[in-house]
Structures are given as structure tokens and as C-alpha cells.
């Protein structure tokens, strides 16, 4: 048994009115998965340790937005934007460069879902 194995948040109760006001609809059961973000590439929009709510039924590029993707074997939360030269994979943090996936290589990226929102996990001292 690994005593260092972290506990995983599998469920969060959120008021229906708040979900509807923030994302515009109340998703049906099993449509939204919780994913803990690691790293600072999306800072300050999404911080290391924040939990994002991912619509796993949107497994395709559905317009500019933030997505959970698999690229070159890495699972990432990134902003995607389609421009004439290809699909731009963008980190909010300026210390990371954007990557452009040319139209001929778009199939190299797998979209696992679209991020609907985030639960900001902060210690009370950070407020």
C-alpha cells in the first residue's frame, strides 16, 4: 500500500442555480469530469492544483476555448484557437510559447473535452 498516494476529488456538490448561471445549462450525469490541473502554464487563469470541470462529450474542437487535450502523449489543459495557419495551442502564462498545429497535422491532437469552469482551490490565507 502506498501511503503517499493522494486522495482524488471525485465529486463536488454545486448548487444548480450556480451551475446554470455560470455555464448556461445543467449537464446530465457523467457528462462532466473533474480534473486536477498540474503546473503553471495556464496561470493566472488556472492555477496549479485547481480542479477544472470538463465536458467529456465535447471530444472535438468546438470553437475557441479551453480544452483538455492529449498532444504527443501528454495530457494538457490549454486554450485552443483556430487561425488560418492552423490550430494554436496556447498557454496563458507568457513564459510558455504557443504551439501551432498545421492543418495537415490536426489529427495528431486528441480533444478529451472542453473545460466548462474551474473550482479554485485556495488556502484561506491566500484570500
C-alpha atoms as a PDB file:
ATOM      1  CA  UNK A   1       0.000   0.000   0.000  1.00  0.00           C
ATOM      2  CA  UNK A   2       1.324   3.445  -0.932  1.00  0.00           C
ATOM      3  CA  UNK A   3       0.598   5.809   1.962  1.00  0.00           C
ATOM      4  CA  UNK A   4       1.721   8.782  -0.139  1.00  0.00           C
ATOM      5  CA  UNK A   5      -0.972   8.236  -2.774  1.00  0.00           C
ATOM      6  CA  UNK A   6      -3.065  11.414  -2.858  1.00  0.00           C
ATOM      7  CA  UNK A   7      -6.793  11.376  -2.373  1.00  0.00           C
ATOM      8  CA  UNK A   8      -8.708  12.279  -5.509  1.00  0.00           C
ATOM      9  CA  UNK A   9     -11.765  14.523  -5.580  1.00  0.00           C
ATOM     10  CA  UNK A  10     -14.367  12.536  -7.455  1.00  0.00           C
ATOM     11  CA  UNK A  11     -17.411  14.570  -6.693  1.00  0.00           C
ATOM     12  CA  UNK A  12     -18.366  18.110  -5.770  1.00  0.00           C
ATOM     13  CA  UNK A  13     -21.792  19.398  -4.856  1.00  0.00           C
ATOM     14  CA  UNK A  14     -22.575  22.675  -6.583  1.00  0.00           C
ATOM     15  CA  UNK A  15     -25.917  24.459  -6.459  1.00  0.00           C
ATOM     16  CA  UNK A  16     -27.935  24.004  -9.650  1.00  0.00           C
ATOM     17  CA  UNK A  17     -28.626  27.752  -9.897  1.00  0.00           C
ATOM     18  CA  UNK A  18     -24.888  28.465  -9.757  1.00  0.00           C
ATOM     19  CA  UNK A  19     -24.059  25.923 -12.469  1.00  0.00           C
ATOM     20  CA  UNK A  20     -26.824  27.287 -14.690  1.00  0.00           C
ATOM     21  CA  UNK A  21     -25.690  30.896 -14.187  1.00  0.00           C
ATOM     22  CA  UNK A  22     -22.001  30.116 -14.785  1.00  0.00           C
ATOM     23  CA  UNK A  23     -22.085  27.648 -17.700  1.00  0.00           C
ATOM     24  CA  UNK A  24     -25.582  28.155 -19.059  1.00  0.00           C
ATOM     25  CA  UNK A  25     -27.021  24.676 -18.501  1.00  0.00           C
ATOM     26  CA  UNK A  26     -27.069  21.805 -16.032  1.00  0.00           C
ATOM     27  CA  UNK A  27     -25.249  18.837 -17.573  1.00  0.00           C
ATOM     28  CA  UNK A  28     -26.661  15.356 -17.231  1.00  0.00           C
ATOM     29  CA  UNK A  29     -24.966  12.718 -15.080  1.00  0.00           C
ATOM     30  CA  UNK A  30     -21.487  11.569 -16.184  1.00  0.00           C
ATOM     31  CA  UNK A  31     -21.112  14.365 -18.722  1.00  0.00           C
ATOM     32  CA  UNK A  32     -18.704  16.386 -16.555  1.00  0.00           C
ATOM     33  CA  UNK A  33     -15.464  15.010 -15.124  1.00  0.00           C
ATOM     34  CA  UNK A  34     -13.228  16.711 -12.582  1.00  0.00           C
ATOM     35  CA  UNK A  35      -9.537  17.042 -13.456  1.00  0.00           C
ATOM     36  CA  UNK A  36      -6.835  18.489 -11.209  1.00  0.00           C
ATOM     37  CA  UNK A  37      -4.514  20.806 -13.129  1.00  0.00           C
ATOM     38  CA  UNK A  38      -0.780  20.443 -12.585  1.00  0.00           C
ATOM     39  CA  UNK A  39       1.730  23.145 -13.462  1.00  0.00           C
ATOM     40  CA  UNK A  40       1.660  26.869 -14.090  1.00  0.00           C
ATOM     41  CA  UNK A  41       1.260  27.089 -17.858  1.00  0.00           C
ATOM     42  CA  UNK A  42      -2.311  28.419 -17.578  1.00  0.00           C
ATOM     43  CA  UNK A  43      -1.553  30.844 -14.728  1.00  0.00           C
ATOM     44  CA  UNK A  44      -3.204  33.185 -13.756  1.00  0.00           C
ATOM     45  CA  UNK A  45      -6.445  31.854 -15.303  1.00  0.00           C
ATOM     46  CA  UNK A  46      -5.985  28.373 -13.858  1.00  0.00           C
ATOM     47  CA  UNK A  47      -3.508  27.726 -11.072  1.00  0.00           C
ATOM     48  CA  UNK A  48      -1.581  24.609 -10.119  1.00  0.00           C
ATOM     49  CA  UNK A  49      -3.962  22.402  -8.115  1.00  0.00           C
ATOM     50  CA  UNK A  50      -7.198  23.949  -9.379  1.00  0.00           C
ATOM     51  CA  UNK A  51      -9.922  21.496 -10.323  1.00  0.00           C
ATOM     52  CA  UNK A  52     -11.439  22.005 -13.781  1.00  0.00           C
ATOM     53  CA  UNK A  53     -14.845  20.741 -14.857  1.00  0.00           C
ATOM     54  CA  UNK A  54     -14.543  19.094 -18.272  1.00  0.00           C
ATOM     55  CA  UNK A  55     -17.463  18.361 -20.603  1.00  0.00           C
ATOM     56  CA  UNK A  56     -16.284  14.965 -21.873  1.00  0.00           C
ATOM     57  CA  UNK A  57     -18.999  14.799 -24.533  1.00  0.00           C
ATOM     58  CA  UNK A  58     -17.270  17.605 -26.443  1.00  0.00           C
ATOM     59  CA  UNK A  59     -14.424  15.467 -27.746  1.00  0.00           C
ATOM     60  CA  UNK A  60     -13.846  17.788 -30.682  1.00  0.00           C
ATOM     61  CA  UNK A  61     -12.764  21.363 -31.312  1.00  0.00           C
ATOM     62  CA  UNK A  62     -15.921  23.373 -30.792  1.00  0.00           C
ATOM     63  CA  UNK A  63     -14.606  26.908 -31.269  1.00  0.00           C
ATOM     64  CA  UNK A  64     -12.009  28.894 -29.383  1.00  0.00           C
ATOM     65  CA  UNK A  65     -11.824  27.974 -25.707  1.00  0.00           C
ATOM     66  CA  UNK A  66     -10.015  25.963 -23.058  1.00  0.00           C
ATOM     67  CA  UNK A  67      -9.836  22.204 -23.566  1.00  0.00           C
ATOM     68  CA  UNK A  68      -8.422  19.053 -22.030  1.00  0.00           C
ATOM     69  CA  UNK A  69      -6.222  17.613 -24.782  1.00  0.00           C
ATOM     70  CA  UNK A  70      -3.695  14.883 -25.423  1.00  0.00           C
ATOM     71  CA  UNK A  71      -0.748  16.035 -27.502  1.00  0.00           C
ATOM     72  CA  UNK A  72       2.365  13.960 -28.119  1.00  0.00           C
ATOM     73  CA  UNK A  73       1.492  11.665 -25.212  1.00  0.00           C
ATOM     74  CA  UNK A  74       0.892  14.494 -22.717  1.00  0.00           C
ATOM     75  CA  UNK A  75      -2.452  15.365 -21.179  1.00  0.00           C
ATOM     76  CA  UNK A  76      -2.773  19.147 -21.041  1.00  0.00           C
ATOM     77  CA  UNK A  77      -5.269  21.872 -20.254  1.00  0.00           C
ATOM     78  CA  UNK A  78      -4.753  24.520 -22.947  1.00  0.00           C
ATOM     79  CA  UNK A  79      -6.534  27.285 -24.775  1.00  0.00           C
ATOM     80  CA  UNK A  80      -7.208  26.315 -28.414  1.00  0.00           C
ATOM     81  CA  UNK A  81      -7.727  28.834 -31.180  1.00  0.00           C
ATOM     82  CA  UNK A  82      -8.183  28.114 -34.887  1.00  0.00           C
ATOM     83  CA  UNK A  83      -6.397  30.571 -37.173  1.00  0.00           C
ATOM     84  CA  UNK A  84      -5.639  30.374 -40.913  1.00  0.00           C
ATOM     85  CA  UNK A  85      -2.216  28.793 -40.284  1.00  0.00           C
ATOM     86  CA  UNK A  86      -3.608  26.035 -38.048  1.00  0.00           C
ATOM     87  CA  UNK A  87      -4.769  25.216 -34.531  1.00  0.00           C
ATOM     88  CA  UNK A  88      -2.943  27.277 -31.919  1.00  0.00           C
ATOM     89  CA  UNK A  89      -2.291  25.567 -28.575  1.00  0.00           C
ATOM     90  CA  UNK A  90      -1.902  28.457 -26.151  1.00  0.00           C
ATOM     91  CA  UNK A  91      -0.680  28.728 -22.563  1.00  0.00           C
ATOM     92  CA  UNK A  92      -1.969  31.740 -20.649  1.00  0.00           C
ATOM     93  CA  UNK A  93       1.367  32.109 -18.851  1.00  0.00           C
ATOM     94  CA  UNK A  94       3.619  34.238 -21.072  1.00  0.00           C
ATOM     95  CA  UNK A  95       6.726  32.250 -20.129  1.00  0.00           C
ATOM     96  CA  UNK A  96       5.412  29.378 -22.291  1.00  0.00           C
ATOM     97  CA  UNK A  97       5.317  29.608 -26.065  1.00  0.00           C
ATOM     98  CA  UNK A  98       2.261  28.784 -28.130  1.00  0.00           C
ATOM     99  CA  UNK A  99       2.376  25.835 -30.468  1.00  0.00           C
ATOM    100  CA  UNK A 100       0.783  25.761 -33.905  1.00  0.00           C
ATOM    101  CA  UNK A 101      -0.612  22.506 -35.251  1.00  0.00           C
ATOM    102  CA  UNK A 102      -0.753  22.900 -39.052  1.00  0.00           C
ATOM    103  CA  UNK A 103      -3.984  21.816 -40.773  1.00  0.00           C
ATOM    104  CA  UNK A 104      -2.240  18.707 -42.141  1.00  0.00           C
ATOM    105  CA  UNK A 105      -1.409  17.521 -38.578  1.00  0.00           C
ATOM    106  CA  UNK A 106      -4.635  18.388 -36.751  1.00  0.00           C
ATOM    107  CA  UNK A 107      -5.355  14.675 -36.233  1.00  0.00           C
ATOM    108  CA  UNK A 108      -2.221  14.492 -34.014  1.00  0.00           C
ATOM    109  CA  UNK A 109      -4.174  16.228 -31.254  1.00  0.00           C
ATOM    110  CA  UNK A 110      -6.893  14.428 -29.321  1.00  0.00           C
ATOM    111  CA  UNK A 111      -9.538  16.556 -27.616  1.00  0.00           C
ATOM    112  CA  UNK A 112     -10.754  14.841 -24.442  1.00  0.00           C
ATOM    113  CA  UNK A 113     -13.281  17.545 -23.578  1.00  0.00           C
ATOM    114  CA  UNK A 114     -13.979  21.244 -23.216  1.00  0.00           C
ATOM    115  CA  UNK A 115     -13.371  22.990 -19.893  1.00  0.00           C
ATOM    116  CA  UNK A 116     -16.595  24.480 -18.543  1.00  0.00           C
ATOM    117  CA  UNK A 117     -15.228  26.070 -15.396  1.00  0.00           C
ATOM    118  CA  UNK A 118     -12.835  25.698 -12.517  1.00  0.00           C
ATOM    119  CA  UNK A 119     -13.081  25.233  -8.784  1.00  0.00           C
ATOM    120  CA  UNK A 120     -10.350  27.439  -7.429  1.00  0.00           C
ATOM    121  CA  UNK A 121      -8.633  25.610  -4.607  1.00  0.00           C
ATOM    122  CA  UNK A 122      -7.071  28.179  -2.252  1.00  0.00           C
ATOM    123  CA  UNK A 123      -5.972  28.235   1.345  1.00  0.00           C
ATOM    124  CA  UNK A 124      -7.843  30.791   3.428  1.00  0.00           C
ATOM    125  CA  UNK A 125      -4.601  32.745   3.930  1.00  0.00           C
ATOM    126  CA  UNK A 126      -4.475  33.372   0.142  1.00  0.00           C
ATOM    127  CA  UNK A 127      -7.793  35.241   0.045  1.00  0.00           C
END
